[in-house]
Amino acid sequence: MGFLRHLVRHIRRRPILVFWDSGPHHRSRLVREFLNGEPRLKTHRFPGYSPELNPDERVGSYLKKHELASYAPRDVDGLRRGVRVSVMRMRVRPKLIRSFVEASHLYA
């Protein structure tokens, strides 16, 4: 729920669309109550068992196959740092991010 609070705090004066799977943490009472109090947040669920429709699956695949393909961290903290740096590099490449959404056929 911290992520949703972060979105509301940092994206102002615009509707916020959140696409997610049907994980139990997304359906919790706490999250439902938070969403009821935030009219700008609109949520949309991916169909169950449809990873090909989830752009996040493509992000993870890209990280594993390209950004972190030959990365061998010494420990969990090293892995965490490597993933963080890789995601930061991706954030400045909007065309790459858009390609994940386009490949999922959710982009109109």
Protein backbone atom coordinates (compact mmCIF):
# COMPACT_ATOMS: atom_id res chain seq x y z
CA MET A 1 0.00 0.00 0.00
CA GLY A 2 3.01 2.25 0.41
CA PHE A 3 3.39 2.29 -3.36
CA LEU A 4 -0.18 3.54 -3.81
CA ARG A 5 0.39 6.28 -1.24
CA HIS A 6 3.57 7.25 -3.08
CA LEU A 7 1.65 7.53 -6.38
CA VAL A 8 -1.06 9.71 -4.87
CA ARG A 9 1.51 11.96 -3.19
CA HIS A 10 3.73 12.43 -6.25
CA ILE A 11 1.23 12.48 -9.12
CA ARG A 12 -0.99 15.47 -8.60
CA ARG A 13 -4.12 16.73 -10.33
CA ARG A 14 -4.43 13.75 -12.67
CA PRO A 15 -6.21 10.42 -12.60
CA ILE A 16 -3.93 7.48 -11.82
CA LEU A 17 -4.48 4.17 -13.59
CA VAL A 18 -3.09 1.09 -11.84
CA PHE A 19 -2.93 -2.23 -13.67
CA TRP A 20 -2.25 -5.29 -11.56
CA ASP A 21 -2.82 -8.98 -11.13
CA SER A 22 -5.25 -10.58 -8.71
CA GLY A 23 -2.71 -11.28 -5.99
CA PRO A 24 -4.12 -11.48 -2.46
CA HIS A 25 -2.24 -8.35 -1.39
CA HIS A 26 -4.09 -6.39 -4.10
CA ARG A 27 -7.46 -7.62 -2.82
CA SER A 28 -6.91 -7.03 0.89
CA ARG A 29 -9.39 -5.08 3.00
CA LEU A 30 -6.73 -2.47 3.76
CA VAL A 31 -6.07 -1.82 0.06
CA ARG A 32 -9.80 -1.73 -0.78
CA GLU A 33 -10.41 0.84 1.96
CA PHE A 34 -7.50 2.97 0.74
CA LEU A 35 -8.81 2.85 -2.84
CA ASN A 36 -12.30 3.85 -1.70
CA GLY A 37 -10.81 7.01 -0.17
CA GLU A 38 -8.80 7.94 -3.28
CA PRO A 39 -11.13 8.76 -6.19
CA ARG A 40 -8.22 9.56 -8.54
CA LEU A 41 -6.95 5.97 -8.33
CA LYS A 42 -8.56 3.67 -10.87
CA THR A 43 -7.55 0.03 -10.79
CA HIS A 44 -7.74 -2.53 -13.58
CA ARG A 45 -6.98 -6.22 -13.14
CA PHE A 46 -5.20 -8.42 -15.62
CA PRO A 47 -7.06 -11.63 -16.47
CA GLY A 48 -5.97 -14.58 -14.36
CA TYR A 49 -3.20 -16.78 -15.72
CA SER A 50 -2.38 -14.41 -18.58
CA PRO A 51 1.27 -13.40 -18.13
CA GLU A 52 1.45 -12.47 -21.82
CA LEU A 53 -0.94 -9.57 -21.09
CA ASN A 54 1.11 -8.29 -18.17
CA PRO A 55 3.81 -5.76 -19.21
CA ASP A 56 5.52 -6.34 -15.87
CA GLU A 57 6.39 -9.87 -17.01
CA ARG A 58 8.23 -8.33 -19.95
CA VAL A 59 10.10 -5.95 -17.64
CA GLY A 60 11.30 -8.88 -15.54
CA SER A 61 12.30 -10.83 -18.62
CA TYR A 62 14.23 -7.86 -20.01
CA LEU A 63 16.05 -7.38 -16.72
CA LYS A 64 17.06 -11.05 -16.59
CA LYS A 65 18.04 -11.42 -20.25
CA HIS A 66 19.67 -8.02 -20.89
CA GLU A 67 20.44 -5.85 -17.90
CA LEU A 68 21.46 -8.60 -15.47
CA ALA A 69 22.40 -11.38 -17.91
CA SER A 70 26.02 -11.72 -16.75
CA TYR A 71 25.66 -10.10 -13.35
CA ALA A 72 26.91 -12.24 -10.47
CA PRO A 73 26.33 -10.50 -7.13
CA ARG A 74 28.12 -11.73 -4.02
CA ASP A 75 25.08 -11.48 -1.80
CA VAL A 76 21.44 -10.42 -1.65
CA ASP A 77 22.36 -6.79 -1.05
CA GLY A 78 24.48 -6.84 -4.21
CA LEU A 79 21.58 -8.28 -6.16
CA ARG A 80 19.28 -5.61 -4.75
CA ARG A 81 21.71 -2.87 -5.81
CA GLY A 82 22.10 -4.38 -9.28
CA VAL A 83 18.36 -4.56 -9.83
CA ARG A 84 17.91 -1.00 -8.56
CA VAL A 85 20.58 0.37 -10.91
CA SER A 86 19.13 -1.59 -13.83
CA VAL A 87 15.63 -0.28 -13.18
CA MET A 88 16.98 3.27 -12.90
CA ARG A 89 18.59 2.85 -16.34
CA MET A 90 15.30 1.63 -17.74
CA ARG A 91 13.37 4.57 -16.28
CA VAL A 92 15.12 7.02 -18.60
CA ARG A 93 14.17 4.95 -21.67
CA PRO A 94 10.45 5.64 -22.21
CA LYS A 95 10.48 3.93 -25.62
CA LEU A 96 11.66 0.72 -23.98
CA ILE A 97 8.94 0.90 -21.33
CA ARG A 98 6.32 1.66 -23.98
CA SER A 99 7.47 -1.39 -25.96
CA PHE A 100 6.59 -3.64 -23.01
CA VAL A 101 3.06 -2.25 -22.94
CA GLU A 102 2.69 -2.42 -26.74
CA ALA A 103 3.89 -6.02 -26.82
CA SER A 104 1.18 -6.96 -24.34
CA HIS A 105 -1.51 -5.68 -26.76
CA LEU A 106 -3.02 -3.53 -24.01
CA TYR A 107 -1.89 -0.33 -25.67
CA ALA A 108 -4.43 1.38 -27.91
